[in-house]
């Protein structure tokens, strides 16, 4: 039962890291596409969705593994305090 709570905490903390990374990448693409060229709106939005999805796919396992190693390896509690 406690293991499930730890896994949920790891998942919640990981989501709080990789989701903003992906959203920022998508917004950066959207701004760059809007500023640098005369691309149609559907191309800009479609590209932003594509970049956001790809960055989510790439960052999700990387961030989750790092958070899991930090929580389990160093004995850090999920609230950020030492147990």
PDB file of N, CA and C in Angstrom:
ATOM      1  N   UNK A   1       0.823  -1.190   0.000  1.00  0.00           N
ATOM      2  CA  UNK A   1       0.000   0.000   0.000  1.00  0.00           C
ATOM      3  C   UNK A   1       0.869   1.257   0.000  1.00  0.00           C
ATOM      4  N   UNK A   2       1.926   1.228   0.807  1.00  0.00           N
ATOM      5  CA  UNK A   2       2.823   2.381   0.849  1.00  0.00           C
ATOM      6  C   UNK A   2       3.571   2.547  -0.467  1.00  0.00           C
ATOM      7  N   UNK A   3       3.870   1.438  -1.129  1.00  0.00           N
ATOM      8  CA  UNK A   3       4.542   1.500  -2.424  1.00  0.00           C
ATOM      9  C   UNK A   3       3.703   2.199  -3.469  1.00  0.00           C
ATOM     10  N   UNK A   4       2.388   1.988  -3.417  1.00  0.00           N
ATOM     11  CA  UNK A   4       1.495   2.670  -4.351  1.00  0.00           C
ATOM     12  C   UNK A   4       1.510   4.176  -4.118  1.00  0.00           C
ATOM     13  N   UNK A   5       1.558   4.580  -2.859  1.00  0.00           N
ATOM     14  CA  UNK A   5       1.589   6.004  -2.546  1.00  0.00           C
ATOM     15  C   UNK A   5       2.894   6.630  -3.041  1.00  0.00           C
ATOM     16  N   UNK A   6       3.986   5.897  -2.908  1.00  0.00           N
ATOM     17  CA  UNK A   6       5.275   6.399  -3.397  1.00  0.00           C
ATOM     18  C   UNK A   6       5.241   6.530  -4.917  1.00  0.00           C
ATOM     19  N   UNK A   7       4.709   5.527  -5.594  1.00  0.00           N
ATOM     20  CA  UNK A   7       4.620   5.580  -7.060  1.00  0.00           C
ATOM     21  C   UNK A   7       3.738   6.737  -7.526  1.00  0.00           C
ATOM     22  N   UNK A   8       2.619   6.957  -6.837  1.00  0.00           N
ATOM     23  CA  UNK A   8       1.749   8.086  -7.190  1.00  0.00           C
ATOM     24  C   UNK A   8       2.466   9.413  -6.971  1.00  0.00           C
ATOM     25  N   UNK A   9       3.225   9.504  -5.890  1.00  0.00           N
ATOM     26  CA  UNK A   9       3.973  10.722  -5.618  1.00  0.00           C
ATOM     27  C   UNK A   9       5.041  10.984  -6.669  1.00  0.00           C
ATOM     28  N   UNK A  10       5.724   9.909  -7.078  1.00  0.00           N
ATOM     29  CA  UNK A  10       6.732  10.038  -8.132  1.00  0.00           C
ATOM     30  C   UNK A  10       6.081  10.479  -9.431  1.00  0.00           C
ATOM     31  N   UNK A  11       4.948   9.880  -9.763  1.00  0.00           N
ATOM     32  CA  UNK A  11       4.249  10.240 -10.999  1.00  0.00           C
ATOM     33  C   UNK A  11       3.770  11.688 -10.949  1.00  0.00           C
ATOM     34  N   UNK A  12       3.260  12.108  -9.807  1.00  0.00           N
ATOM     35  CA  UNK A  12       2.761  13.477  -9.679  1.00  0.00           C
ATOM     36  C   UNK A  12       3.905  14.485  -9.786  1.00  0.00           C
ATOM     37  N   UNK A  13       5.013  14.200  -9.123  1.00  0.00           N
ATOM     38  CA  UNK A  13       6.162  15.106  -9.174  1.00  0.00           C
ATOM     39  C   UNK A  13       6.740  15.149 -10.600  1.00  0.00           C
ATOM     40  N   UNK A  14       6.819  14.004 -11.248  1.00  0.00           N
ATOM     41  CA  UNK A  14       7.348  13.948 -12.620  1.00  0.00           C
ATOM     42  C   UNK A  14       6.472  14.743 -13.574  1.00  0.00           C
ATOM     43  N   UNK A  15       5.162  14.598 -13.419  1.00  0.00           N
ATOM     44  CA  UNK A  15       4.236  15.328 -14.282  1.00  0.00           C
ATOM     45  C   UNK A  15       4.405  16.832 -14.115  1.00  0.00           C
ATOM     46  N   UNK A  16       4.664  17.262 -12.894  1.00  0.00           N
ATOM     47  CA  UNK A  16       4.875  18.678 -12.629  1.00  0.00           C
ATOM     48  C   UNK A  16       6.145  19.220 -13.253  1.00  0.00           C
ATOM     49  N   UNK A  17       7.017  18.328 -13.699  1.00  0.00           N
ATOM     50  CA  UNK A  17       8.266  18.757 -14.340  1.00  0.00           C
ATOM     51  C   UNK A  17       8.171  18.630 -15.857  1.00  0.00           C
ATOM     52  N   UNK A  18       7.775  17.450 -16.366  1.00  0.00           N
ATOM     53  CA  UNK A  18       7.834  17.261 -17.822  1.00  0.00           C
ATOM     54  C   UNK A  18       6.702  17.937 -18.574  1.00  0.00           C
ATOM     55  N   UNK A  19       5.574  18.156 -17.939  1.00  0.00           N
ATOM     56  CA  UNK A  19       4.479  18.836 -18.633  1.00  0.00           C
ATOM     57  C   UNK A  19       4.809  20.302 -18.916  1.00  0.00           C
ATOM     58  N   UNK A  20       5.334  21.066 -17.949  1.00  0.00           N
ATOM     59  CA  UNK A  20       5.735  22.440 -18.279  1.00  0.00           C
ATOM     60  C   UNK A  20       6.863  22.518 -19.319  1.00  0.00           C
ATOM     61  N   UNK A  21       7.761  21.540 -19.309  1.00  0.00           N
ATOM     62  CA  UNK A  21       8.824  21.519 -20.317  1.00  0.00           C
ATOM     63  C   UNK A  21       8.215  21.389 -21.712  1.00  0.00           C
ATOM     64  N   UNK A  22       7.264  20.484 -21.866  1.00  0.00           N
ATOM     65  CA  UNK A  22       6.627  20.260 -23.166  1.00  0.00           C
ATOM     66  C   UNK A  22       5.789  21.447 -23.606  1.00  0.00           C
ATOM     67  N   UNK A  23       5.069  22.027 -22.667  1.00  0.00           N
ATOM     68  CA  UNK A  23       4.253  23.201 -23.000  1.00  0.00           C
ATOM     69  C   UNK A  23       5.142  24.370 -23.404  1.00  0.00           C
ATOM     70  N   UNK A  24       6.250  24.548 -22.691  1.00  0.00           N
ATOM     71  CA  UNK A  24       7.179  25.628 -23.034  1.00  0.00           C
ATOM     72  C   UNK A  24       7.782  25.416 -24.418  1.00  0.00           C
ATOM     73  N   UNK A  25       8.129  24.179 -24.750  1.00  0.00           N
ATOM     74  CA  UNK A  25       8.684  23.896 -26.075  1.00  0.00           C
ATOM     75  C   UNK A  25       7.658  24.205 -27.161  1.00  0.00           C
ATOM     76  N   UNK A  26       6.405  23.823 -26.925  1.00  0.00           N
ATOM     77  CA  UNK A  26       5.354  24.094 -27.912  1.00  0.00           C
ATOM     78  C   UNK A  26       5.124  25.596 -28.075  1.00  0.00           C
ATOM     79  N   UNK A  27       5.092  26.318 -26.960  1.00  0.00           N
ATOM     80  CA  UNK A  27       4.894  27.765 -27.047  1.00  0.00           C
ATOM     81  C   UNK A  27       6.076  28.462 -27.708  1.00  0.00           C
ATOM     82  N   UNK A  28       7.268  27.984 -27.422  1.00  0.00           N
ATOM     83  CA  UNK A  28       8.458  28.548 -28.067  1.00  0.00           C
ATOM     84  C   UNK A  28       8.394  28.342 -29.584  1.00  0.00           C
ATOM     85  N   UNK A  29       7.972  27.147 -30.006  1.00  0.00           N
ATOM     86  CA  UNK A  29       7.819  26.889 -31.433  1.00  0.00           C
ATOM     87  C   UNK A  29       6.764  27.812 -32.040  1.00  0.00           C
ATOM     88  N   UNK A  30       5.647  27.965 -31.348  1.00  0.00           N
ATOM     89  CA  UNK A  30       4.560  28.796 -31.851  1.00  0.00           C
ATOM     90  C   UNK A  30       5.015  30.248 -32.010  1.00  0.00           C
ATOM     91  N   UNK A  31       5.734  30.755 -31.031  1.00  0.00           N
ATOM     92  CA  UNK A  31       6.238  32.128 -31.113  1.00  0.00           C
ATOM     93  C   UNK A  31       7.265  32.259 -32.233  1.00  0.00           C
ATOM     94  N   UNK A  32       8.183  31.299 -32.320  1.00  0.00           N
ATOM     95  CA  UNK A  32       9.212  31.358 -33.359  1.00  0.00           C
ATOM     96  C   UNK A  32       8.599  31.279 -34.752  1.00  0.00           C
ATOM     97  N   UNK A  33       7.606  30.426 -34.920  1.00  0.00           N
ATOM     98  CA  UNK A  33       6.955  30.303 -36.227  1.00  0.00           C
ATOM     99  C   UNK A  33       6.150  31.550 -36.570  1.00  0.00           C
ATOM    100  N   UNK A  34       5.605  32.191 -35.572  1.00  0.00           N
ATOM    101  CA  UNK A  34       4.818  33.407 -35.817  1.00  0.00           C
ATOM    102  C   UNK A  34       5.700  34.595 -36.147  1.00  0.00           C
ATOM    103  N   UNK A  35       6.870  34.665 -35.520  1.00  0.00           N
ATOM    104  CA  UNK A  35       7.753  35.821 -35.701  1.00  0.00           C
ATOM    105  C   UNK A  35       8.580  35.714 -36.976  1.00  0.00           C
ATOM    106  N   UNK A  36       9.041  34.511 -37.298  1.00  0.00           N
ATOM    107  CA  UNK A  36      10.018  34.386 -38.383  1.00  0.00           C
ATOM    108  C   UNK A  36       9.437  34.155 -39.767  1.00  0.00           C
ATOM    109  N   UNK A  37       8.156  33.873 -39.874  1.00  0.00           N
ATOM    110  CA  UNK A  37       7.681  33.577 -41.218  1.00  0.00           C
ATOM    111  C   UNK A  37       6.208  33.851 -41.416  1.00  0.00           C
ATOM    112  N   UNK A  38       5.797  33.715 -42.639  1.00  0.00           N
ATOM    113  CA  UNK A  38       4.407  33.910 -43.033  1.00  0.00           C
ATOM    114  C   UNK A  38       3.716  32.560 -43.176  1.00  0.00           C
ATOM    115  N   UNK A  39       3.736  31.805 -42.105  1.00  0.00           N
ATOM    116  CA  UNK A  39       3.128  30.476 -42.145  1.00  0.00           C
ATOM    117  C   UNK A  39       1.641  30.577 -41.826  1.00  0.00           C
ATOM    118  N   UNK A  40       0.827  29.711 -42.439  1.00  0.00           N
ATOM    119  CA  UNK A  40      -0.603  29.722 -42.116  1.00  0.00           C
ATOM    120  C   UNK A  40      -0.828  29.318 -40.649  1.00  0.00           C
ATOM    121  N   UNK A  41      -1.933  29.748 -40.118  1.00  0.00           N
ATOM    122  CA  UNK A  41      -2.248  29.472 -38.712  1.00  0.00           C
ATOM    123  C   UNK A  41      -2.294  27.982 -38.427  1.00  0.00           C
ATOM    124  N   UNK A  42      -2.856  27.232 -39.337  1.00  0.00           N
ATOM    125  CA  UNK A  42      -2.962  25.786 -39.112  1.00  0.00           C
ATOM    126  C   UNK A  42      -1.579  25.136 -39.064  1.00  0.00           C
ATOM    127  N   UNK A  43      -0.628  25.656 -39.816  1.00  0.00           N
ATOM    128  CA  UNK A  43       0.731  25.119 -39.785  1.00  0.00           C
ATOM    129  C   UNK A  43       1.421  25.464 -38.472  1.00  0.00           C
ATOM    130  N   UNK A  44       1.215  26.680 -37.999  1.00  0.00           N
ATOM    131  CA  UNK A  44       1.821  27.086 -36.726  1.00  0.00           C
ATOM    132  C   UNK A  44       1.250  26.282 -35.564  1.00  0.00           C
ATOM    133  N   UNK A  45      -0.057  26.168 -35.512  1.00  0.00           N
ATOM    134  CA  UNK A  45      -0.694  25.432 -34.418  1.00  0.00           C
ATOM    135  C   UNK A  45      -0.380  23.945 -34.527  1.00  0.00           C
ATOM    136  N   UNK A  46      -0.450  23.397 -35.720  1.00  0.00           N
ATOM    137  CA  UNK A  46      -0.116  21.982 -35.914  1.00  0.00           C
ATOM    138  C   UNK A  46       1.325  21.678 -35.537  1.00  0.00           C
ATOM    139  N   UNK A  47       2.234  22.566 -35.902  1.00  0.00           N
ATOM    140  CA  UNK A  47       3.628  22.384 -35.532  1.00  0.00           C
ATOM    141  C   UNK A  47       3.830  22.466 -34.034  1.00  0.00           C
ATOM    142  N   UNK A  48       3.126  23.376 -33.384  1.00  0.00           N
ATOM    143  CA  UNK A  48       3.238  23.506 -31.929  1.00  0.00           C
ATOM    144  C   UNK A  48       2.715  22.256 -31.230  1.00  0.00           C
ATOM    145  N   UNK A  49       1.616  21.719 -31.727  1.00  0.00           N
ATOM    146  CA  UNK A  49       1.083  20.469 -31.153  1.00  0.00           C
ATOM    147  C   UNK A  49       2.080  19.337 -31.372  1.00  0.00           C
ATOM    148  N   UNK A  50       2.653  19.271 -32.533  1.00  0.00           N
ATOM    149  CA  UNK A  50       3.633  18.227 -32.857  1.00  0.00           C
ATOM    150  C   UNK A  50       4.865  18.330 -31.965  1.00  0.00           C
ATOM    151  N   UNK A  51       5.402  19.524 -31.819  1.00  0.00           N
ATOM    152  CA  UNK A  51       6.584  19.732 -30.975  1.00  0.00           C
ATOM    153  C   UNK A  51       6.250  19.419 -29.520  1.00  0.00           C
ATOM    154  N   UNK A  52       5.090  19.849 -29.063  1.00  0.00           N
ATOM    155  CA  UNK A  52       4.684  19.555 -27.686  1.00  0.00           C
ATOM    156  C   UNK A  52       4.541  18.074 -27.430  1.00  0.00           C
ATOM    157  N   UNK A  53       3.946  17.369 -28.377  1.00  0.00           N
ATOM    158  CA  UNK A  53       3.775  15.919 -28.228  1.00  0.00           C
ATOM    159  C   UNK A  53       5.112  15.197 -28.241  1.00  0.00           C
ATOM    160  N   UNK A  54       5.974  15.561 -29.169  1.00  0.00           N
ATOM    161  CA  UNK A  54       7.285  14.909 -29.232  1.00  0.00           C
ATOM    162  C   UNK A  54       8.128  15.195 -27.996  1.00  0.00           C
ATOM    163  N   UNK A  55       8.099  16.429 -27.522  1.00  0.00           N
ATOM    164  CA  UNK A  55       8.877  16.739 -26.318  1.00  0.00           C
ATOM    165  C   UNK A  55       8.303  16.034 -25.101  1.00  0.00           C
ATOM    166  N   UNK A  56       7.003  15.819 -25.069  1.00  0.00           N
ATOM    167  CA  UNK A  56       6.390  15.043 -23.988  1.00  0.00           C
ATOM    168  C   UNK A  56       6.858  13.593 -24.037  1.00  0.00           C
ATOM    169  N   UNK A  57       6.885  13.022 -25.237  1.00  0.00           N
ATOM    170  CA  UNK A  57       7.327  11.634 -25.401  1.00  0.00           C
ATOM    171  C   UNK A  57       8.788  11.470 -24.987  1.00  0.00           C
ATOM    172  N   UNK A  58       9.611  12.451 -25.304  1.00  0.00           N
ATOM    173  CA  UNK A  58      11.035  12.352 -24.978  1.00  0.00           C
ATOM    174  C   UNK A  58      11.288  12.643 -23.502  1.00  0.00           C
ATOM    175  N   UNK A  59      10.663  13.674 -22.970  1.00  0.00           N
ATOM    176  CA  UNK A  59      10.971  14.089 -21.599  1.00  0.00           C
ATOM    177  C   UNK A  59      10.327  13.215 -20.534  1.00  0.00           C
ATOM    178  N   UNK A  60       9.210  12.572 -20.844  1.00  0.00           N
ATOM    179  CA  UNK A  60       8.513  11.780 -19.832  1.00  0.00           C
ATOM    180  C   UNK A  60       9.392  10.685 -19.214  1.00  0.00           C
ATOM    181  N   UNK A  61       9.992   9.793 -19.982  1.00  0.00           N
ATOM    182  CA  UNK A  61      10.806   8.755 -19.343  1.00  0.00           C
ATOM    183  C   UNK A  61      12.085   9.300 -18.714  1.00  0.00           C
ATOM    184  N   UNK A  62      12.648  10.352 -19.293  1.00  0.00           N
ATOM    185  CA  UNK A  62      13.871  10.923 -18.720  1.00  0.00           C
ATOM    186  C   UNK A  62      13.612  11.539 -17.352  1.00  0.00           C
ATOM    187  N   UNK A  63      12.574  12.342 -17.269  1.00  0.00           N
ATOM    188  CA  UNK A  63      12.256  13.014 -16.011  1.00  0.00           C
ATOM    189  C   UNK A  63      11.792  12.009 -14.961  1.00  0.00           C
ATOM    190  N   UNK A  64      10.956  11.063 -15.355  1.00  0.00           N
ATOM    191  CA  UNK A  64      10.444  10.079 -14.399  1.00  0.00           C
ATOM    192  C   UNK A  64      11.575   9.246 -13.823  1.00  0.00           C
ATOM    193  N   UNK A  65      12.506   8.833 -14.645  1.00  0.00           N
ATOM    194  CA  UNK A  65      13.644   8.052 -14.148  1.00  0.00           C
ATOM    195  C   UNK A  65      14.492   8.880 -13.195  1.00  0.00           C
ATOM    196  N   UNK A  66      14.684  10.129 -13.507  1.00  0.00           N
ATOM    197  CA  UNK A  66      15.497  10.996 -12.633  1.00  0.00           C
ATOM    198  C   UNK A  66      14.813  11.223 -11.288  1.00  0.00           C
ATOM    199  N   UNK A  67      13.513  11.479 -11.317  1.00  0.00           N
ATOM    200  CA  UNK A  67      12.772  11.690 -10.069  1.00  0.00           C
ATOM    201  C   UNK A  67      12.753  10.410  -9.249  1.00  0.00           C
ATOM    202  N   UNK A  68      12.542   9.285  -9.903  1.00  0.00           N
ATOM    203  CA  UNK A  68      12.513   8.000  -9.201  1.00  0.00           C
ATOM    204  C   UNK A  68      13.856   7.712  -8.544  1.00  0.00           C
ATOM    205  N   UNK A  69      14.946   7.975  -9.252  1.00  0.00           N
ATOM    206  CA  UNK A  69      16.271   7.738  -8.687  1.00  0.00           C
ATOM    207  C   UNK A  69      16.539   8.671  -7.519  1.00  0.00           C
ATOM    208  N   UNK A  70      16.089   9.892  -7.629  1.00  0.00           N
ATOM    209  CA  UNK A  70      16.320  10.847  -6.547  1.00  0.00           C
ATOM    210  C   UNK A  70      15.515  10.480  -5.307  1.00  0.00           C
ATOM    211  N   UNK A  71      14.260  10.092  -5.495  1.00  0.00           N
ATOM    212  CA  UNK A  71      13.419   9.748  -4.348  1.00  0.00           C
ATOM    213  C   UNK A  71      13.906   8.475  -3.688  1.00  0.00           C
ATOM    214  N   UNK A  72      14.210   7.476  -4.469  1.00  0.00           N
ATOM    215  CA  UNK A  72      14.599   6.185  -3.906  1.00  0.00           C
ATOM    216  C   UNK A  72      16.072   6.126  -3.518  1.00  0.00           C
ATOM    217  N   UNK A  73      16.932   6.759  -4.294  1.00  0.00           N
ATOM    218  CA  UNK A  73      18.359   6.641  -4.061  1.00  0.00           C
ATOM    219  C   UNK A  73      18.866   7.463  -2.898  1.00  0.00           C
ATOM    220  N   UNK A  74      18.337   8.632  -2.723  1.00  0.00           N
ATOM    221  CA  UNK A  74      18.828   9.517  -1.676  1.00  0.00           C
ATOM    222  C   UNK A  74      17.956   9.492  -0.435  1.00  0.00           C
ATOM    223  N   UNK A  75      16.860   8.768  -0.482  1.00  0.00           N
ATOM    224  CA  UNK A  75      15.979   8.726   0.667  1.00  0.00           C
ATOM    225  C   UNK A  75      15.217  10.015   0.876  1.00  0.00           C
ATOM    226  N   UNK A  76      14.942  10.728  -0.202  1.00  0.00           N
ATOM    227  CA  UNK A  76      14.196  11.977  -0.104  1.00  0.00           C
ATOM    228  C   UNK A  76      12.712  11.650  -0.046  1.00  0.00           C
ATOM    229  N   UNK A  77      12.029  12.218   0.917  1.00  0.00           N
ATOM    230  CA  UNK A  77      10.583  12.024   1.016  1.00  0.00           C
ATOM    231  C   UNK A  77       9.896  12.812  -0.089  1.00  0.00           C
ATOM    232  N   UNK A  78       8.673  12.455  -0.393  1.00  0.00           N
ATOM    233  CA  UNK A  78       7.960  13.095  -1.484  1.00  0.00           C
ATOM    234  C   UNK A  78       7.607  14.542  -1.191  1.00  0.00           C
ATOM    235  N   UNK A  79       7.610  14.940   0.067  1.00  0.00           N
ATOM    236  CA  UNK A  79       7.328  16.337   0.379  1.00  0.00           C
ATOM    237  C   UNK A  79       8.591  17.183   0.366  1.00  0.00           C
ATOM    238  N   UNK A  80       9.742  16.588  -0.018  1.00  0.00           N
ATOM    239  CA  UNK A  80      10.981  17.320  -0.134  1.00  0.00           C
ATOM    240  C   UNK A  80      11.818  17.338   1.122  1.00  0.00           C
ATOM    241  N   UNK A  81      11.315  16.768   2.208  1.00  0.00           N
ATOM    242  CA  UNK A  81      12.046  16.745   3.470  1.00  0.00           C
ATOM    243  C   UNK A  81      12.730  15.408   3.642  1.00  0.00           C
ATOM    244  N   UNK A  82      13.783  15.415   4.402  1.00  0.00           N
ATOM    245  CA  UNK A  82      14.498  14.161   4.679  1.00  0.00           C
ATOM    246  C   UNK A  82      13.660  13.328   5.658  1.00  0.00           C
ATOM    247  N   UNK A  83      13.570  12.013   5.428  1.00  0.00           N
ATOM    248  CA  UNK A  83      12.786  11.168   6.338  1.00  0.00           C
ATOM    249  C   UNK A  83      13.453  11.006   7.685  1.00  0.00           C
TER     250      UNK A  83
END
